[in-house]
Amino acid sequence: MLSSNRPSRMYLVTFQTGRRVLQLHCRRFGLSELHGLYEVAEIVFSESKILLHEEETLRAEFRDVERLLLPWTAILRVDELKADVMADGPRLLAQDGEQQGPVVIDFKPRKGE
C-alpha cells in the first residue's frame, strides 16, 4: 500500500539497478499492486540551478517516469524524512567496477582441512 496519507513526507530510497546504486527522493513509497514489487512515485528533484553531472544524468533518465517499480531485492534502504526535507538531489552512489553491495564470503571448508 502506497504511503499517500501523509503527503508532506519525503522518502529517500536507495536501490541497486544493474551495477549502479542510486538514491532518489519521492513523496510516495510502498507496495505496488504487482506481487513482490515496490512502487516509487512522485519522484522529486532539487530546485537548484547548479546541477552535478550525475544529478543531471539521473534527472534526464527519470524525467518522464510516473512511477518506478522495483523488486524488493533491489532496495537497499528507505528513509522517511521530515516534512519537505531534501538535502541533496538524486545521487549515483556507485557504478561499474566500484565496491558495492554486500560482501559474499564462502564458508565451505577447503579440501584436506
PDB file of N, CA and C in Angstrom:
ATOM      1  N   MET A   1       0.837  -1.171   0.000  1.00  0.00           N
ATOM      2  CA  MET A   1       0.000   0.000   0.000  1.00  0.00           C
ATOM      3  C   MET A   1       0.886   1.240   0.000  1.00  0.00           C
ATOM      4  N   LEU A   2       0.665   2.124  -0.930  1.00  0.00           N
ATOM      5  CA  LEU A   2       1.453   3.341  -1.018  1.00  0.00           C
ATOM      6  C   LEU A   2       1.150   4.267   0.146  1.00  0.00           C
ATOM      7  N   SER A   3       2.167   4.980   0.577  1.00  0.00           N
ATOM      8  CA  SER A   3       2.026   5.903   1.699  1.00  0.00           C
ATOM      9  C   SER A   3       1.565   7.260   1.192  1.00  0.00           C
ATOM     10  N   SER A   4       0.276   7.432   0.982  1.00  0.00           N
ATOM     11  CA  SER A   4      -0.236   8.696   0.468  1.00  0.00           C
ATOM     12  C   SER A   4      -1.017   9.469   1.516  1.00  0.00           C
ATOM     13  N   ASN A   5      -1.193   8.880   2.710  1.00  0.00           N
ATOM     14  CA  ASN A   5      -1.981   9.545   3.730  1.00  0.00           C
ATOM     15  C   ASN A   5      -1.248  10.728   4.365  1.00  0.00           C
ATOM     16  N   ARG A   6       0.075  10.802   4.204  1.00  0.00           N
ATOM     17  CA  ARG A   6       0.850  11.923   4.729  1.00  0.00           C
ATOM     18  C   ARG A   6       1.628  12.552   3.584  1.00  0.00           C
ATOM     19  N   PRO A   7       0.994  13.428   2.816  1.00  0.00           N
ATOM     20  CA  PRO A   7       1.643  13.961   1.622  1.00  0.00           C
ATOM     21  C   PRO A   7       2.846  14.839   1.905  1.00  0.00           C
ATOM     22  N   SER A   8       3.004  15.329   3.145  1.00  0.00           N
ATOM     23  CA  SER A   8       4.136  16.187   3.446  1.00  0.00           C
ATOM     24  C   SER A   8       5.420  15.390   3.681  1.00  0.00           C
ATOM     25  N   ARG A   9       5.325  14.081   3.768  1.00  0.00           N
ATOM     26  CA  ARG A   9       6.500  13.248   3.987  1.00  0.00           C
ATOM     27  C   ARG A   9       7.313  13.109   2.714  1.00  0.00           C
ATOM     28  N   MET A  10       8.606  12.902   2.915  1.00  0.00           N
ATOM     29  CA  MET A  10       9.518  12.686   1.807  1.00  0.00           C
ATOM     30  C   MET A  10      10.301  11.410   2.122  1.00  0.00           C
ATOM     31  N   TYR A  11      10.545  10.605   1.109  1.00  0.00           N
ATOM     32  CA  TYR A  11      11.299   9.356   1.270  1.00  0.00           C
ATOM     33  C   TYR A  11      12.574   9.426   0.460  1.00  0.00           C
ATOM     34  N   LEU A  12      13.640   8.888   1.014  1.00  0.00           N
ATOM     35  CA  LEU A  12      14.902   8.750   0.308  1.00  0.00           C
ATOM     36  C   LEU A  12      15.096   7.258   0.097  1.00  0.00           C
ATOM     37  N   VAL A  13      15.003   6.815  -1.157  1.00  0.00           N
ATOM     38  CA  VAL A  13      15.074   5.399  -1.489  1.00  0.00           C
ATOM     39  C   VAL A  13      16.428   5.115  -2.128  1.00  0.00           C
ATOM     40  N   THR A  14      17.168   4.196  -1.538  1.00  0.00           N
ATOM     41  CA  THR A  14      18.457   3.766  -2.077  1.00  0.00           C
ATOM     42  C   THR A  14      18.252   2.382  -2.659  1.00  0.00           C
ATOM     43  N   PHE A  15      18.607   2.225  -3.933  1.00  0.00           N
ATOM     44  CA  PHE A  15      18.380   0.942  -4.592  1.00  0.00           C
ATOM     45  C   PHE A  15      19.486   0.653  -5.599  1.00  0.00           C
ATOM     46  N   GLN A  16      19.566  -0.603  -5.968  1.00  0.00           N
ATOM     47  CA  GLN A  16      20.580  -1.051  -6.928  1.00  0.00           C
ATOM     48  C   GLN A  16      19.898  -1.452  -8.213  1.00  0.00           C
ATOM     49  N   THR A  17      20.430  -0.967  -9.313  1.00  0.00           N
ATOM     50  CA  THR A  17      19.929  -1.346 -10.624  1.00  0.00           C
ATOM     51  C   THR A  17      21.137  -1.655 -11.492  1.00  0.00           C
ATOM     52  N   GLY A  18      21.230  -2.896 -11.904  1.00  0.00           N
ATOM     53  CA  GLY A  18      22.427  -3.307 -12.643  1.00  0.00           C
ATOM     54  C   GLY A  18      23.635  -3.167 -11.747  1.00  0.00           C
ATOM     55  N   ARG A  19      24.623  -2.427 -12.214  1.00  0.00           N
ATOM     56  CA  ARG A  19      25.830  -2.203 -11.424  1.00  0.00           C
ATOM     57  C   ARG A  19      25.849  -0.828 -10.774  1.00  0.00           C
ATOM     58  N   ARG A  20      24.714  -0.152 -10.778  1.00  0.00           N
ATOM     59  CA  ARG A  20      24.638   1.187 -10.191  1.00  0.00           C
ATOM     60  C   ARG A  20      23.820   1.175  -8.909  1.00  0.00           C
ATOM     61  N   VAL A  21      24.247   1.966  -7.939  1.00  0.00           N
ATOM     62  CA  VAL A  21      23.482   2.180  -6.716  1.00  0.00           C
ATOM     63  C   VAL A  21      23.009   3.625  -6.769  1.00  0.00           C
ATOM     64  N   LEU A  22      21.683   3.821  -6.706  1.00  0.00           N
ATOM     65  CA  LEU A  22      21.082   5.138  -6.866  1.00  0.00           C
ATOM     66  C   LEU A  22      20.295   5.540  -5.631  1.00  0.00           C
ATOM     67  N   GLN A  23      20.152   6.851  -5.447  1.00  0.00           N
ATOM     68  CA  GLN A  23      19.277   7.390  -4.421  1.00  0.00           C
ATOM     69  C   GLN A  23      18.322   8.359  -5.080  1.00  0.00           C
ATOM     70  N   LEU A  24      17.028   8.205  -4.782  1.00  0.00           N
ATOM     71  CA  LEU A  24      16.007   9.114  -5.295  1.00  0.00           C
ATOM     72  C   LEU A  24      15.124   9.581  -4.151  1.00  0.00           C
ATOM     73  N   HIS A  25      14.700  10.835  -4.210  1.00  0.00           N
ATOM     74  CA  HIS A  25      13.702  11.358  -3.280  1.00  0.00           C
ATOM     75  C   HIS A  25      12.334  11.182  -3.923  1.00  0.00           C
ATOM     76  N   CYS A  26      11.357  10.807  -3.116  1.00  0.00           N
ATOM     77  CA  CYS A  26       9.996  10.667  -3.639  1.00  0.00           C
ATOM     78  C   CYS A  26       9.000  11.011  -2.537  1.00  0.00           C
ATOM     79  N   ARG A  27       7.786  11.299  -2.957  1.00  0.00           N
ATOM     80  CA  ARG A  27       6.725  11.620  -1.998  1.00  0.00           C
ATOM     81  C   ARG A  27       5.899  10.392  -1.632  1.00  0.00           C
ATOM     82  N   ARG A  28       5.901   9.366  -2.493  1.00  0.00           N
ATOM     83  CA  ARG A  28       5.126   8.148  -2.218  1.00  0.00           C
ATOM     84  C   ARG A  28       6.005   6.924  -2.412  1.00  0.00           C
ATOM     85  N   PHE A  29       5.938   6.024  -1.437  1.00  0.00           N
ATOM     86  CA  PHE A  29       6.685   4.771  -1.495  1.00  0.00           C
ATOM     87  C   PHE A  29       5.859   3.697  -0.814  1.00  0.00           C
ATOM     88  N   GLY A  30       5.839   2.498  -1.384  1.00  0.00           N
ATOM     89  CA  GLY A  30       5.144   1.380  -0.745  1.00  0.00           C
ATOM     90  C   GLY A  30       4.969   0.215  -1.700  1.00  0.00           C
ATOM     91  N   LEU A  31       4.260  -0.796  -1.227  1.00  0.00           N
ATOM     92  CA  LEU A  31       3.991  -1.974  -2.051  1.00  0.00           C
ATOM     93  C   LEU A  31       3.106  -1.603  -3.235  1.00  0.00           C
ATOM     94  N   SER A  32       3.409  -2.159  -4.385  1.00  0.00           N
ATOM     95  CA  SER A  32       2.558  -1.931  -5.558  1.00  0.00           C
ATOM     96  C   SER A  32       1.513  -3.035  -5.636  1.00  0.00           C
ATOM     97  N   GLU A  33       0.616  -2.897  -6.584  1.00  0.00           N
ATOM     98  CA  GLU A  33      -0.400  -3.937  -6.780  1.00  0.00           C
ATOM     99  C   GLU A  33       0.181  -5.171  -7.460  1.00  0.00           C
ATOM    100  N   LEU A  34       1.398  -5.061  -7.988  1.00  0.00           N
ATOM    101  CA  LEU A  34       2.076  -6.202  -8.602  1.00  0.00           C
ATOM    102  C   LEU A  34       2.883  -6.943  -7.540  1.00  0.00           C
ATOM    103  N   HIS A  35       2.687  -8.229  -7.448  1.00  0.00           N
ATOM    104  CA  HIS A  35       3.285  -9.059  -6.401  1.00  0.00           C
ATOM    105  C   HIS A  35       4.811  -8.931  -6.356  1.00  0.00           C
ATOM    106  N   GLY A  36       5.347  -8.626  -5.175  1.00  0.00           N
ATOM    107  CA  GLY A  36       6.790  -8.595  -4.968  1.00  0.00           C
ATOM    108  C   GLY A  36       7.486  -7.326  -5.412  1.00  0.00           C
ATOM    109  N   LEU A  37       6.746  -6.331  -5.868  1.00  0.00           N
ATOM    110  CA  LEU A  37       7.361  -5.092  -6.329  1.00  0.00           C
ATOM    111  C   LEU A  37       6.970  -3.930  -5.425  1.00  0.00           C
ATOM    112  N   TYR A  38       7.910  -3.025  -5.254  1.00  0.00           N
ATOM    113  CA  TYR A  38       7.653  -1.795  -4.521  1.00  0.00           C
ATOM    114  C   TYR A  38       7.559  -0.648  -5.511  1.00  0.00           C
ATOM    115  N   GLU A  39       6.732   0.312  -5.178  1.00  0.00           N
ATOM    116  CA  GLU A  39       6.495   1.440  -6.074  1.00  0.00           C
ATOM    117  C   GLU A  39       7.104   2.712  -5.501  1.00  0.00           C
ATOM    118  N   VAL A  40       7.870   3.399  -6.345  1.00  0.00           N
ATOM    119  CA  VAL A  40       8.427   4.707  -6.025  1.00  0.00           C
ATOM    120  C   VAL A  40       7.697   5.686  -6.941  1.00  0.00           C
ATOM    121  N   ALA A  41       6.938   6.612  -6.358  1.00  0.00           N
ATOM    122  CA  ALA A  41       6.136   7.533  -7.167  1.00  0.00           C
ATOM    123  C   ALA A  41       6.357   8.967  -6.711  1.00  0.00           C
ATOM    124  N   GLU A  42       6.010   9.888  -7.591  1.00  0.00           N
ATOM    125  CA  GLU A  42       6.193  11.315  -7.352  1.00  0.00           C
ATOM    126  C   GLU A  42       7.647  11.616  -7.006  1.00  0.00           C
ATOM    127  N   ILE A  43       8.546  11.250  -7.915  1.00  0.00           N
ATOM    128  CA  ILE A  43       9.977  11.488  -7.739  1.00  0.00           C
ATOM    129  C   ILE A  43      10.218  12.991  -7.710  1.00  0.00           C
ATOM    130  N   VAL A  44      11.054  13.423  -6.766  1.00  0.00           N
ATOM    131  CA  VAL A  44      11.318  14.844  -6.564  1.00  0.00           C
ATOM    132  C   VAL A  44      12.788  15.126  -6.851  1.00  0.00           C
ATOM    133  N   PHE A  45      13.030  16.189  -7.603  1.00  0.00           N
ATOM    134  CA  PHE A  45      14.391  16.630  -7.895  1.00  0.00           C
ATOM    135  C   PHE A  45      14.629  17.970  -7.220  1.00  0.00           C
ATOM    136  N   SER A  46      15.883  18.275  -6.941  1.00  0.00           N
ATOM    137  CA  SER A  46      16.196  19.548  -6.283  1.00  0.00           C
ATOM    138  C   SER A  46      15.875  20.715  -7.204  1.00  0.00           C
ATOM    139  N   GLU A  47      15.646  21.855  -6.598  1.00  0.00           N
ATOM    140  CA  GLU A  47      15.320  23.068  -7.346  1.00  0.00           C
ATOM    141  C   GLU A  47      16.578  23.853  -7.703  1.00  0.00           C
ATOM    142  N   SER A  48      17.730  23.338  -7.347  1.00  0.00           N
ATOM    143  CA  SER A  48      18.995  24.048  -7.558  1.00  0.00           C
ATOM    144  C   SER A  48      19.246  24.335  -9.033  1.00  0.00           C
ATOM    145  N   LYS A  49      19.800  25.504  -9.293  1.00  0.00           N
ATOM    146  CA  LYS A  49      20.165  25.873 -10.665  1.00  0.00           C
ATOM    147  C   LYS A  49      21.503  25.239 -11.049  1.00  0.00           C
ATOM    148  N   ILE A  50      22.292  24.880 -10.036  1.00  0.00           N
ATOM    149  CA  ILE A  50      23.593  24.250 -10.272  1.00  0.00           C
ATOM    150  C   ILE A  50      23.429  22.754 -10.062  1.00  0.00           C
ATOM    151  N   LEU A  51      23.622  21.984 -11.121  1.00  0.00           N
ATOM    152  CA  LEU A  51      23.450  20.537 -11.047  1.00  0.00           C
ATOM    153  C   LEU A  51      24.783  19.837 -11.241  1.00  0.00           C
ATOM    154  N   LEU A  52      25.013  18.804 -10.449  1.00  0.00           N
ATOM    155  CA  LEU A  52      26.160  17.939 -10.685  1.00  0.00           C
ATOM    156  C   LEU A  52      25.860  17.090 -11.908  1.00  0.00           C
ATOM    157  N   HIS A  53      26.909  16.623 -12.575  1.00  0.00           N
ATOM    158  CA  HIS A  53      26.724  15.811 -13.781  1.00  0.00           C
ATOM    159  C   HIS A  53      25.852  14.594 -13.500  1.00  0.00           C
ATOM    160  N   GLU A  54      26.099  13.918 -12.372  1.00  0.00           N
ATOM    161  CA  GLU A  54      25.325  12.711 -12.057  1.00  0.00           C
ATOM    162  C   GLU A  54      23.854  13.039 -11.804  1.00  0.00           C
ATOM    163  N   GLU A  55      23.580  14.172 -11.169  1.00  0.00           N
ATOM    164  CA  GLU A  55      22.181  14.561 -10.937  1.00  0.00           C
ATOM    165  C   GLU A  55      21.497  14.900 -12.264  1.00  0.00           C
ATOM    166  N   GLU A  56      22.231  15.565 -13.130  1.00  0.00           N
ATOM    167  CA  GLU A  56      21.688  15.899 -14.456  1.00  0.00           C
ATOM    168  C   GLU A  56      21.348  14.632 -15.238  1.00  0.00           C
ATOM    169  N   THR A  57      22.225  13.638 -15.164  1.00  0.00           N
ATOM    170  CA  THR A  57      22.010  12.362 -15.848  1.00  0.00           C
ATOM    171  C   THR A  57      20.777  11.650 -15.295  1.00  0.00           C
ATOM    172  N   LEU A  58      20.657  11.605 -13.963  1.00  0.00           N
ATOM    173  CA  LEU A  58      19.512  10.939 -13.343  1.00  0.00           C
ATOM    174  C   LEU A  58      18.218  11.690 -13.620  1.00  0.00           C
ATOM    175  N   ARG A  59      18.278  12.999 -13.621  1.00  0.00           N
ATOM    176  CA  ARG A  59      17.082  13.795 -13.923  1.00  0.00           C
ATOM    177  C   ARG A  59      16.597  13.488 -15.336  1.00  0.00           C
ATOM    178  N   ALA A  60      17.530  13.372 -16.271  1.00  0.00           N
ATOM    179  CA  ALA A  60      17.165  13.036 -17.653  1.00  0.00           C
ATOM    180  C   ALA A  60      16.605  11.613 -17.737  1.00  0.00           C
ATOM    181  N   GLU A  61      17.206  10.691 -17.000  1.00  0.00           N
ATOM    182  CA  GLU A  61      16.776   9.293 -17.023  1.00  0.00           C
ATOM    183  C   GLU A  61      15.367   9.107 -16.463  1.00  0.00           C
ATOM    184  N   PHE A  62      15.023   9.846 -15.407  1.00  0.00           N
ATOM    185  CA  PHE A  62      13.737   9.655 -14.731  1.00  0.00           C
ATOM    186  C   PHE A  62      12.737  10.776 -15.017  1.00  0.00           C
ATOM    187  N   ARG A  63      13.019  11.624 -15.983  1.00  0.00           N
ATOM    188  CA  ARG A  63      12.170  12.785 -16.293  1.00  0.00           C
ATOM    189  C   ARG A  63      10.725  12.398 -16.573  1.00  0.00           C
ATOM    190  N   ASP A  64      10.505  11.398 -17.401  1.00  0.00           N
ATOM    191  CA  ASP A  64       9.160  11.022 -17.821  1.00  0.00           C
ATOM    192  C   ASP A  64       8.587   9.836 -17.043  1.00  0.00           C
ATOM    193  N   VAL A  65       9.242   9.456 -15.956  1.00  0.00           N
ATOM    194  CA  VAL A  65       8.803   8.299 -15.170  1.00  0.00           C
ATOM    195  C   VAL A  65       7.707   8.732 -14.202  1.00  0.00           C
ATOM    196  N   GLU A  66       6.528   8.123 -14.346  1.00  0.00           N
ATOM    197  CA  GLU A  66       5.418   8.420 -13.451  1.00  0.00           C
ATOM    198  C   GLU A  66       5.554   7.638 -12.148  1.00  0.00           C
ATOM    199  N   ARG A  67       5.951   6.366 -12.279  1.00  0.00           N
ATOM    200  CA  ARG A  67       6.226   5.540 -11.107  1.00  0.00           C
ATOM    201  C   ARG A  67       7.278   4.509 -11.482  1.00  0.00           C
ATOM    202  N   LEU A  68       8.089   4.163 -10.513  1.00  0.00           N
ATOM    203  CA  LEU A  68       9.169   3.214 -10.695  1.00  0.00           C
ATOM    204  C   LEU A  68       8.835   1.983  -9.872  1.00  0.00           C
ATOM    205  N   LEU A  69       8.835   0.803 -10.499  1.00  0.00           N
ATOM    206  CA  LEU A  69       8.558  -0.446  -9.793  1.00  0.00           C
ATOM    207  C   LEU A  69       9.869  -1.195  -9.598  1.00  0.00           C
ATOM    208  N   LEU A  70      10.163  -1.541  -8.357  1.00  0.00           N
ATOM    209  CA  LEU A  70      11.422  -2.203  -8.019  1.00  0.00           C
ATOM    210  C   LEU A  70      11.143  -3.505  -7.280  1.00  0.00           C
ATOM    211  N   PRO A  71      11.908  -4.554  -7.579  1.00  0.00           N
ATOM    212  CA  PRO A  71      11.788  -5.774  -6.768  1.00  0.00           C
ATOM    213  C   PRO A  71      12.374  -5.505  -5.385  1.00  0.00           C
ATOM    214  N   TRP A  72      11.869  -6.193  -4.392  1.00  0.00           N
ATOM    215  CA  TRP A  72      12.342  -5.967  -3.031  1.00  0.00           C
ATOM    216  C   TRP A  72      13.829  -6.239  -2.890  1.00  0.00           C
ATOM    217  N   THR A  73      14.365  -7.097  -3.744  1.00  0.00           N
ATOM    218  CA  THR A  73      15.786  -7.434  -3.665  1.00  0.00           C
ATOM    219  C   THR A  73      16.683  -6.283  -4.126  1.00  0.00           C
ATOM    220  N   ALA A  74      16.137  -5.320  -4.852  1.00  0.00           N
ATOM    221  CA  ALA A  74      16.929  -4.185  -5.345  1.00  0.00           C
ATOM    222  C   ALA A  74      16.996  -3.051  -4.330  1.00  0.00           C
ATOM    223  N   ILE A  75      16.089  -3.048  -3.366  1.00  0.00           N
ATOM    224  CA  ILE A  75      16.017  -1.937  -2.411  1.00  0.00           C
ATOM    225  C   ILE A  75      17.017  -2.174  -1.287  1.00  0.00           C
ATOM    226  N   LEU A  76      17.911  -1.214  -1.104  1.00  0.00           N
ATOM    227  CA  LEU A  76      18.932  -1.326  -0.071  1.00  0.00           C
ATOM    228  C   LEU A  76      18.533  -0.613   1.214  1.00  0.00           C
ATOM    229  N   ARG A  77      17.803   0.513   1.056  1.00  0.00           N
ATOM    230  CA  ARG A  77      17.436   1.295   2.231  1.00  0.00           C
ATOM    231  C   ARG A  77      16.328   2.286   1.871  1.00  0.00           C
ATOM    232  N   VAL A  78      15.428   2.545   2.819  1.00  0.00           N
ATOM    233  CA  VAL A  78      14.388   3.553   2.649  1.00  0.00           C
ATOM    234  C   VAL A  78      14.376   4.409   3.911  1.00  0.00           C
ATOM    235  N   ASP A  79      14.550   5.712   3.733  1.00  0.00           N
ATOM    236  CA  ASP A  79      14.495   6.651   4.845  1.00  0.00           C
ATOM    237  C   ASP A  79      13.256   7.514   4.693  1.00  0.00           C
ATOM    238  N   GLU A  80      12.472   7.634   5.752  1.00  0.00           N
ATOM    239  CA  GLU A  80      11.347   8.554   5.754  1.00  0.00           C
ATOM    240  C   GLU A  80      11.847   9.847   6.383  1.00  0.00           C
ATOM    241  N   LEU A  81      11.855  10.913   5.603  1.00  0.00           N
ATOM    242  CA  LEU A  81      12.408  12.183   6.044  1.00  0.00           C
ATOM    243  C   LEU A  81      11.321  13.064   6.639  1.00  0.00           C
ATOM    244  N   LYS A  82      11.733  14.071   7.394  1.00  0.00           N
ATOM    245  CA  LYS A  82      10.778  15.032   7.933  1.00  0.00           C
ATOM    246  C   LYS A  82      10.182  15.833   6.783  1.00  0.00           C
ATOM    247  N   ALA A  83       9.099  16.513   7.031  1.00  0.00           N
ATOM    248  CA  ALA A  83       8.338  17.228   6.006  1.00  0.00           C
ATOM    249  C   ALA A  83       9.225  18.079   5.101  1.00  0.00           C
ATOM    250  N   ASP A  84       9.137  17.780   3.811  1.00  0.00           N
ATOM    251  CA  ASP A  84       9.818  18.538   2.760  1.00  0.00           C
ATOM    252  C   ASP A  84      11.309  18.763   2.982  1.00  0.00           C
ATOM    253  N   VAL A  85      11.977  17.810   3.597  1.00  0.00           N
ATOM    254  CA  VAL A  85      13.417  17.890   3.771  1.00  0.00           C
ATOM    255  C   VAL A  85      14.079  17.213   2.579  1.00  0.00           C
ATOM    256  N   MET A  86      14.959  17.917   1.925  1.00  0.00           N
ATOM    257  CA  MET A  86      15.696  17.327   0.807  1.00  0.00           C
ATOM    258  C   MET A  86      17.055  17.996   0.748  1.00  0.00           C
ATOM    259  N   ALA A  87      18.046  17.380   1.366  1.00  0.00           N
ATOM    260  CA  ALA A  87      19.380  17.970   1.437  1.00  0.00           C
ATOM    261  C   ALA A  87      20.033  18.032   0.064  1.00  0.00           C
ATOM    262  N   ASP A  88      19.975  16.952  -0.669  1.00  0.00           N
ATOM    263  CA  ASP A  88      20.624  16.864  -1.974  1.00  0.00           C
ATOM    264  C   ASP A  88      19.619  16.389  -3.000  1.00  0.00           C
ATOM    265  N   GLY A  89      20.038  16.442  -4.234  1.00  0.00           N
ATOM    266  CA  GLY A  89      19.230  15.864  -5.302  1.00  0.00           C
ATOM    267  C   GLY A  89      19.504  14.379  -5.396  1.00  0.00           C
ATOM    268  N   PRO A  90      19.035  13.735  -6.449  1.00  0.00           N
ATOM    269  CA  PRO A  90      19.294  12.310  -6.621  1.00  0.00           C
ATOM    270  C   PRO A  90      20.786  12.073  -6.785  1.00  0.00           C
ATOM    271  N   ARG A  91      21.242  10.907  -6.364  1.00  0.00           N
ATOM    272  CA  ARG A  91      22.674  10.632  -6.434  1.00  0.00           C
ATOM    273  C   ARG A  91      22.941   9.247  -6.997  1.00  0.00           C
ATOM    274  N   LEU A  92      24.040   9.156  -7.704  1.00  0.00           N
ATOM    275  CA  LEU A  92      24.589   7.890  -8.153  1.00  0.00           C
ATOM    276  C   LEU A  92      25.691   7.563  -7.169  1.00  0.00           C
ATOM    277  N   LEU A  93      25.507   6.538  -6.355  1.00  0.00           N
ATOM    278  CA  LEU A  93      26.453   6.237  -5.292  1.00  0.00           C
ATOM    279  C   LEU A  93      27.608   5.365  -5.743  1.00  0.00           C
ATOM    280  N   ALA A  94      27.360   4.476  -6.683  1.00  0.00           N
ATOM    281  CA  ALA A  94      28.421   3.591  -7.174  1.00  0.00           C
ATOM    282  C   ALA A  94      28.051   3.105  -8.560  1.00  0.00           C
ATOM    283  N   GLN A  95      29.054   2.796  -9.349  1.00  0.00           N
ATOM    284  CA  GLN A  95      28.779   2.198 -10.645  1.00  0.00           C
ATOM    285  C   GLN A  95      29.897   1.257 -11.023  1.00  0.00           C
ATOM    286  N   ASP A  96      29.928   0.793 -12.262  1.00  0.00           N
ATOM    287  CA  ASP A  96      30.842  -0.245 -12.737  1.00  0.00           C
ATOM    288  C   ASP A  96      32.213  -0.215 -12.067  1.00  0.00           C
ATOM    289  N   GLY A  97      32.605  -1.363 -11.524  1.00  0.00           N
ATOM    290  CA  GLY A  97      33.950  -1.528 -11.000  1.00  0.00           C
ATOM    291  C   GLY A  97      34.141  -1.043  -9.571  1.00  0.00           C
ATOM    292  N   GLU A  98      33.220  -0.331  -8.991  1.00  0.00           N
ATOM    293  CA  GLU A  98      33.352   0.155  -7.630  1.00  0.00           C
ATOM    294  C   GLU A  98      32.793  -0.880  -6.660  1.00  0.00           C
ATOM    295  N   GLN A  99      33.351  -0.906  -5.445  1.00  0.00           N
ATOM    296  CA  GLN A  99      32.852  -1.823  -4.424  1.00  0.00           C
ATOM    297  C   GLN A  99      31.440  -1.421  -4.037  1.00  0.00           C
ATOM    298  N   GLN A 100      30.521  -2.348  -4.020  1.00  0.00           N
ATOM    299  CA  GLN A 100      29.135  -2.053  -3.694  1.00  0.00           C
ATOM    300  C   GLN A 100      28.442  -3.300  -3.200  1.00  0.00           C
ATOM    301  N   GLY A 101      27.373  -3.096  -2.483  1.00  0.00           N
ATOM    302  CA  GLY A 101      26.562  -4.214  -2.027  1.00  0.00           C
ATOM    303  C   GLY A 101      27.259  -5.046  -0.982  1.00  0.00           C
ATOM    304  N   PRO A 102      26.628  -6.134  -0.581  1.00  0.00           N
ATOM    305  CA  PRO A 102      27.203  -6.980   0.462  1.00  0.00           C
ATOM    306  C   PRO A 102      28.403  -7.769  -0.048  1.00  0.00           C
ATOM    307  N   VAL A 103      29.294  -8.054   0.871  1.00  0.00           N
ATOM    308  CA  VAL A 103      30.452  -8.886   0.544  1.00  0.00           C
ATOM    309  C   VAL A 103      30.042 -10.337   0.794  1.00  0.00           C
ATOM    310  N   VAL A 104      30.275 -11.195  -0.172  1.00  0.00           N
ATOM    311  CA  VAL A 104      29.916 -12.602  -0.046  1.00  0.00           C
ATOM    312  C   VAL A 104      31.157 -13.386   0.347  1.00  0.00           C
ATOM    313  N   ILE A 105      31.046 -14.128   1.447  1.00  0.00           N
ATOM    314  CA  ILE A 105      32.172 -14.921   1.945  1.00  0.00           C
ATOM    315  C   ILE A 105      31.790 -16.384   1.844  1.00  0.00           C
ATOM    316  N   ASP A 106      32.658 -17.176   1.258  1.00  0.00           N
ATOM    317  CA  ASP A 106      32.420 -18.601   1.089  1.00  0.00           C
ATOM    318  C   ASP A 106      32.969 -19.336   2.312  1.00  0.00           C
ATOM    319  N   PHE A 107      32.079 -19.992   3.088  1.00  0.00           N
ATOM    320  CA  PHE A 107      32.493 -20.668   4.304  1.00  0.00           C
ATOM    321  C   PHE A 107      32.701 -22.167   4.119  1.00  0.00           C
ATOM    322  N   LYS A 108      32.749 -22.621   2.878  1.00  0.00           N
ATOM    323  CA  LYS A 108      32.972 -24.044   2.660  1.00  0.00           C
ATOM    324  C   LYS A 108      34.402 -24.402   3.061  1.00  0.00           C
ATOM    325  N   PRO A 109      34.570 -25.524   3.783  1.00  0.00           N
ATOM    326  CA  PRO A 109      35.930 -25.916   4.146  1.00  0.00           C
ATOM    327  C   PRO A 109      36.718 -26.346   2.909  1.00  0.00           C
ATOM    328  N   ARG A 110      37.976 -26.035   2.937  1.00  0.00           N
ATOM    329  CA  ARG A 110      38.848 -26.437   1.833  1.00  0.00           C
ATOM    330  C   ARG A 110      39.115 -27.924   1.924  1.00  0.00           C
ATOM    331  N   LYS A 111      39.422 -28.519   0.779  1.00  0.00           N
ATOM    332  CA  LYS A 111      39.740 -29.956   0.768  1.00  0.00           C
ATOM    333  C   LYS A 111      40.998 -30.200   1.580  1.00  0.00           C
ATOM    334  N   GLY A 112      40.943 -31.225   2.421  1.00  0.00           N
ATOM    335  CA  GLY A 112      42.100 -31.580   3.238  1.00  0.00           C
ATOM    336  C   GLY A 112      42.068 -30.929   4.614  1.00  0.00           C
ATOM    337  N   GLU A 113      41.103 -30.073   4.892  1.00  0.00           N
ATOM    338  CA  GLU A 113      41.045 -29.457   6.233  1.00  0.00           C
ATOM    339  C   GLU A 113      40.007 -30.120   7.086  1.00  0.00           C
TER     340      GLU A 113
END
